[in-house]
Amino acid sequence: MTDQVEEQTEKKIKPSFEHIALVESSSQKLDRWIEQVNTKKKIRIARRDLLNWWLTRSPENLSNGDVNALIEEFYDEEAFLRQLLRDVKKAKKEGQTDPTLEVVVRAKKSEQKKETTVFSNEINIDD
């Protein structure tokens, strides 16, 4: 009975590994950080350990500025619209006969300051 409890405890403690490909500049930054530590005290730090340490010390939530920067960097309007279409099709398939979709379109700061437009339409998709 005790062996089962120990096995379950060990399974819960084991970390899960996730392989992440780093761009060259991020990889070089990790190397510089490790060098920086090694100039002060000769210790051996694995890159994944350094990255995990950094992430654990980071705040739980991103700042509004960071969230906005991420959106600016990675938002893809076409992918967003394709996802909306999949959501509407799924809702229709699940029996929602009247899926309503609300889309807010905002102009980017770099564009000529257009007014914010709000669309609220019923979307009927015929398959």
C-alpha atoms as a PDB file:
ATOM      1  CA  MET A   1       0.000   0.000   0.000  1.00  0.00           C
ATOM      2  CA  THR A   2       2.824   2.392   0.883  1.00  0.00           C
ATOM      3  CA  ASP A   3       4.585   1.607  -2.395  1.00  0.00           C
ATOM      4  CA  GLN A   4       1.519   2.724  -4.360  1.00  0.00           C
ATOM      5  CA  VAL A   5       1.412   6.053  -2.524  1.00  0.00           C
ATOM      6  CA  GLU A   6       5.121   6.613  -3.161  1.00  0.00           C
ATOM      7  CA  GLU A   7       4.712   5.785  -6.857  1.00  0.00           C
ATOM      8  CA  GLN A   8       1.812   8.227  -7.183  1.00  0.00           C
ATOM      9  CA  THR A   9       3.808  10.920  -5.386  1.00  0.00           C
ATOM     10  CA  GLU A  10       6.798  10.360  -7.678  1.00  0.00           C
ATOM     11  CA  LYS A  11       4.593  10.583 -10.757  1.00  0.00           C
ATOM     12  CA  LYS A  12       3.169  13.917  -9.601  1.00  0.00           C
ATOM     13  CA  ILE A  13       6.602  15.398  -8.884  1.00  0.00           C
ATOM     14  CA  LYS A  14       8.234  14.484 -12.195  1.00  0.00           C
ATOM     15  CA  PRO A  15       8.416  17.539 -14.431  1.00  0.00           C
ATOM     16  CA  SER A  16       6.994  17.405 -17.906  1.00  0.00           C
ATOM     17  CA  PHE A  17       9.388  18.307 -20.663  1.00  0.00           C
ATOM     18  CA  GLU A  18       8.495  20.517 -23.559  1.00  0.00           C
ATOM     19  CA  HIS A  19      10.931  21.082 -26.374  1.00  0.00           C
ATOM     20  CA  ILE A  20      11.047  24.649 -27.583  1.00  0.00           C
ATOM     21  CA  ALA A  21      13.057  25.851 -30.559  1.00  0.00           C
ATOM     22  CA  LEU A  22      14.771  29.144 -29.849  1.00  0.00           C
ATOM     23  CA  VAL A  23      15.689  31.750 -32.406  1.00  0.00           C
ATOM     24  CA  GLU A  24      19.396  32.492 -32.622  1.00  0.00           C
ATOM     25  CA  SER A  25      19.223  35.762 -30.678  1.00  0.00           C
ATOM     26  CA  SER A  26      17.374  34.107 -27.763  1.00  0.00           C
ATOM     27  CA  SER A  27      19.863  31.260 -27.706  1.00  0.00           C
ATOM     28  CA  GLN A  28      22.760  33.707 -27.645  1.00  0.00           C
ATOM     29  CA  LYS A  29      21.134  35.613 -24.802  1.00  0.00           C
ATOM     30  CA  LEU A  30      20.929  32.420 -22.726  1.00  0.00           C
ATOM     31  CA  ASP A  31      24.614  31.768 -23.425  1.00  0.00           C
ATOM     32  CA  ARG A  32      25.539  35.312 -22.335  1.00  0.00           C
ATOM     33  CA  TRP A  33      23.565  34.914 -19.091  1.00  0.00           C
ATOM     34  CA  ILE A  34      25.354  31.634 -18.331  1.00  0.00           C
ATOM     35  CA  GLU A  35      28.711  33.294 -19.067  1.00  0.00           C
ATOM     36  CA  GLN A  36      27.769  36.173 -16.792  1.00  0.00           C
ATOM     37  CA  VAL A  37      27.088  33.779 -13.903  1.00  0.00           C
ATOM     38  CA  ASN A  38      30.279  31.830 -14.624  1.00  0.00           C
ATOM     39  CA  THR A  39      32.460  34.943 -14.466  1.00  0.00           C
ATOM     40  CA  LYS A  40      31.228  35.517 -10.917  1.00  0.00           C
ATOM     41  CA  LYS A  41      31.254  31.887  -9.751  1.00  0.00           C
ATOM     42  CA  LYS A  42      32.211  28.777 -11.695  1.00  0.00           C
ATOM     43  CA  ILE A  43      29.034  26.737 -11.625  1.00  0.00           C
ATOM     44  CA  ARG A  44      27.380  24.590 -14.207  1.00  0.00           C
ATOM     45  CA  ILE A  45      23.910  25.660 -15.305  1.00  0.00           C
ATOM     46  CA  ALA A  46      21.929  23.903 -18.001  1.00  0.00           C
ATOM     47  CA  ARG A  47      20.175  26.235 -20.418  1.00  0.00           C
ATOM     48  CA  ARG A  48      16.778  24.687 -19.606  1.00  0.00           C
ATOM     49  CA  ASP A  49      17.437  25.168 -15.859  1.00  0.00           C
ATOM     50  CA  LEU A  50      18.308  28.817 -16.405  1.00  0.00           C
ATOM     51  CA  LEU A  51      15.193  29.338 -18.504  1.00  0.00           C
ATOM     52  CA  ASN A  52      12.986  27.558 -15.954  1.00  0.00           C
ATOM     53  CA  TRP A  53      14.513  29.645 -13.149  1.00  0.00           C
ATOM     54  CA  TRP A  54      13.817  32.825 -15.107  1.00  0.00           C
ATOM     55  CA  LEU A  55      10.218  31.843 -15.840  1.00  0.00           C
ATOM     56  CA  THR A  56       9.500  30.854 -12.227  1.00  0.00           C
ATOM     57  CA  ARG A  57      10.702  34.247 -11.032  1.00  0.00           C
ATOM     58  CA  SER A  58       8.620  36.110 -13.621  1.00  0.00           C
ATOM     59  CA  PRO A  59       5.205  37.498 -12.675  1.00  0.00           C
ATOM     60  CA  GLU A  60       2.143  35.278 -13.065  1.00  0.00           C
ATOM     61  CA  ASN A  61       0.459  37.727 -15.442  1.00  0.00           C
ATOM     62  CA  LEU A  62       1.789  39.801 -18.285  1.00  0.00           C
ATOM     63  CA  SER A  63       1.571  43.569 -18.107  1.00  0.00           C
ATOM     64  CA  ASN A  64      -0.893  45.335 -20.409  1.00  0.00           C
ATOM     65  CA  GLY A  65       2.048  46.617 -22.423  1.00  0.00           C
ATOM     66  CA  ASP A  66       3.404  43.092 -22.875  1.00  0.00           C
ATOM     67  CA  VAL A  67      -0.023  41.761 -23.877  1.00  0.00           C
ATOM     68  CA  ASN A  68      -0.406  44.547 -26.436  1.00  0.00           C
ATOM     69  CA  ALA A  69       3.118  43.958 -27.781  1.00  0.00           C
ATOM     70  CA  LEU A  70       2.383  40.224 -28.189  1.00  0.00           C
ATOM     71  CA  ILE A  71      -0.884  40.950 -29.984  1.00  0.00           C
ATOM     72  CA  GLU A  72       0.871  43.424 -32.269  1.00  0.00           C
ATOM     73  CA  GLU A  73       3.578  40.861 -33.043  1.00  0.00           C
ATOM     74  CA  PHE A  74       1.481  37.731 -33.543  1.00  0.00           C
ATOM     75  CA  TYR A  75      -2.095  38.712 -34.470  1.00  0.00           C
ATOM     76  CA  ASP A  76      -3.126  37.300 -37.843  1.00  0.00           C
ATOM     77  CA  GLU A  77      -6.418  38.684 -39.117  1.00  0.00           C
ATOM     78  CA  GLU A  78      -6.958  35.885 -41.636  1.00  0.00           C
ATOM     79  CA  ALA A  79      -6.391  33.165 -39.014  1.00  0.00           C
ATOM     80  CA  PHE A  80      -8.762  35.010 -36.675  1.00  0.00           C
ATOM     81  CA  LEU A  81     -11.483  35.121 -39.321  1.00  0.00           C
ATOM     82  CA  ARG A  82     -10.993  31.431 -40.169  1.00  0.00           C
ATOM     83  CA  GLN A  83     -11.374  30.600 -36.448  1.00  0.00           C
ATOM     84  CA  LEU A  84     -14.586  32.660 -36.283  1.00  0.00           C
ATOM     85  CA  LEU A  85     -15.940  30.716 -39.252  1.00  0.00           C
ATOM     86  CA  ARG A  86     -15.049  27.385 -37.557  1.00  0.00           C
ATOM     87  CA  ASP A  87     -16.783  28.546 -34.365  1.00  0.00           C
ATOM     88  CA  VAL A  88     -19.966  29.481 -36.232  1.00  0.00           C
ATOM     89  CA  LYS A  89     -19.976  26.168 -38.120  1.00  0.00           C
ATOM     90  CA  LYS A  90     -19.468  24.285 -34.850  1.00  0.00           C
ATOM     91  CA  ALA A  91     -22.312  26.201 -33.183  1.00  0.00           C
ATOM     92  CA  LYS A  92     -24.578  25.404 -36.113  1.00  0.00           C
ATOM     93  CA  LYS A  93     -23.581  21.733 -36.004  1.00  0.00           C
ATOM     94  CA  GLU A  94     -24.341  21.619 -32.257  1.00  0.00           C
ATOM     95  CA  GLY A  95     -27.858  22.839 -32.909  1.00  0.00           C
ATOM     96  CA  GLN A  96     -27.591  26.560 -32.376  1.00  0.00           C
ATOM     97  CA  THR A  97     -29.825  27.691 -35.210  1.00  0.00           C
ATOM     98  CA  ASP A  98     -29.198  31.371 -34.732  1.00  0.00           C
ATOM     99  CA  PRO A  99     -25.482  31.944 -34.127  1.00  0.00           C
ATOM    100  CA  THR A 100     -24.901  35.652 -33.603  1.00  0.00           C
ATOM    101  CA  LEU A 101     -21.458  37.026 -34.182  1.00  0.00           C
ATOM    102  CA  GLU A 102     -20.107  40.325 -32.955  1.00  0.00           C
ATOM    103  CA  VAL A 103     -16.892  41.589 -34.493  1.00  0.00           C
ATOM    104  CA  VAL A 104     -15.051  44.717 -33.450  1.00  0.00           C
ATOM    105  CA  VAL A 105     -12.666  46.106 -36.039  1.00  0.00           C
ATOM    106  CA  ARG A 106     -10.103  48.625 -34.879  1.00  0.00           C
ATOM    107  CA  ALA A 107      -7.637  50.452 -37.042  1.00  0.00           C
ATOM    108  CA  LYS A 108      -3.972  49.942 -36.232  1.00  0.00           C
ATOM    109  CA  LYS A 109      -2.115  52.929 -34.841  1.00  0.00           C
ATOM    110  CA  SER A 110       0.110  53.044 -37.908  1.00  0.00           C
ATOM    111  CA  GLU A 111      -2.879  53.353 -40.239  1.00  0.00           C
ATOM    112  CA  GLN A 112      -4.643  56.642 -40.770  1.00  0.00           C
ATOM    113  CA  LYS A 113      -6.769  56.950 -37.667  1.00  0.00           C
ATOM    114  CA  LYS A 114     -10.009  55.418 -38.867  1.00  0.00           C
ATOM    115  CA  GLU A 115     -13.048  55.269 -36.660  1.00  0.00           C
ATOM    116  CA  THR A 116     -13.666  52.098 -34.732  1.00  0.00           C
ATOM    117  CA  THR A 117     -16.414  50.152 -36.478  1.00  0.00           C
ATOM    118  CA  VAL A 118     -18.656  47.647 -34.742  1.00  0.00           C
ATOM    119  CA  PHE A 119     -20.571  44.996 -36.677  1.00  0.00           C
ATOM    120  CA  SER A 120     -23.268  42.880 -35.103  1.00  0.00           C
ATOM    121  CA  ASN A 121     -24.838  40.540 -37.605  1.00  0.00           C
ATOM    122  CA  GLU A 122     -26.503  37.182 -37.750  1.00  0.00           C
ATOM    123  CA  ILE A 123     -24.442  34.811 -39.814  1.00  0.00           C
ATOM    124  CA  ASN A 124     -26.072  31.950 -41.619  1.00  0.00           C
ATOM    125  CA  ILE A 125     -23.641  29.581 -43.242  1.00  0.00           C
ATOM    126  CA  ASP A 126     -24.962  27.145 -45.775  1.00  0.00           C
ATOM    127  CA  ASP A 127     -22.793  24.070 -46.090  1.00  0.00           C
END
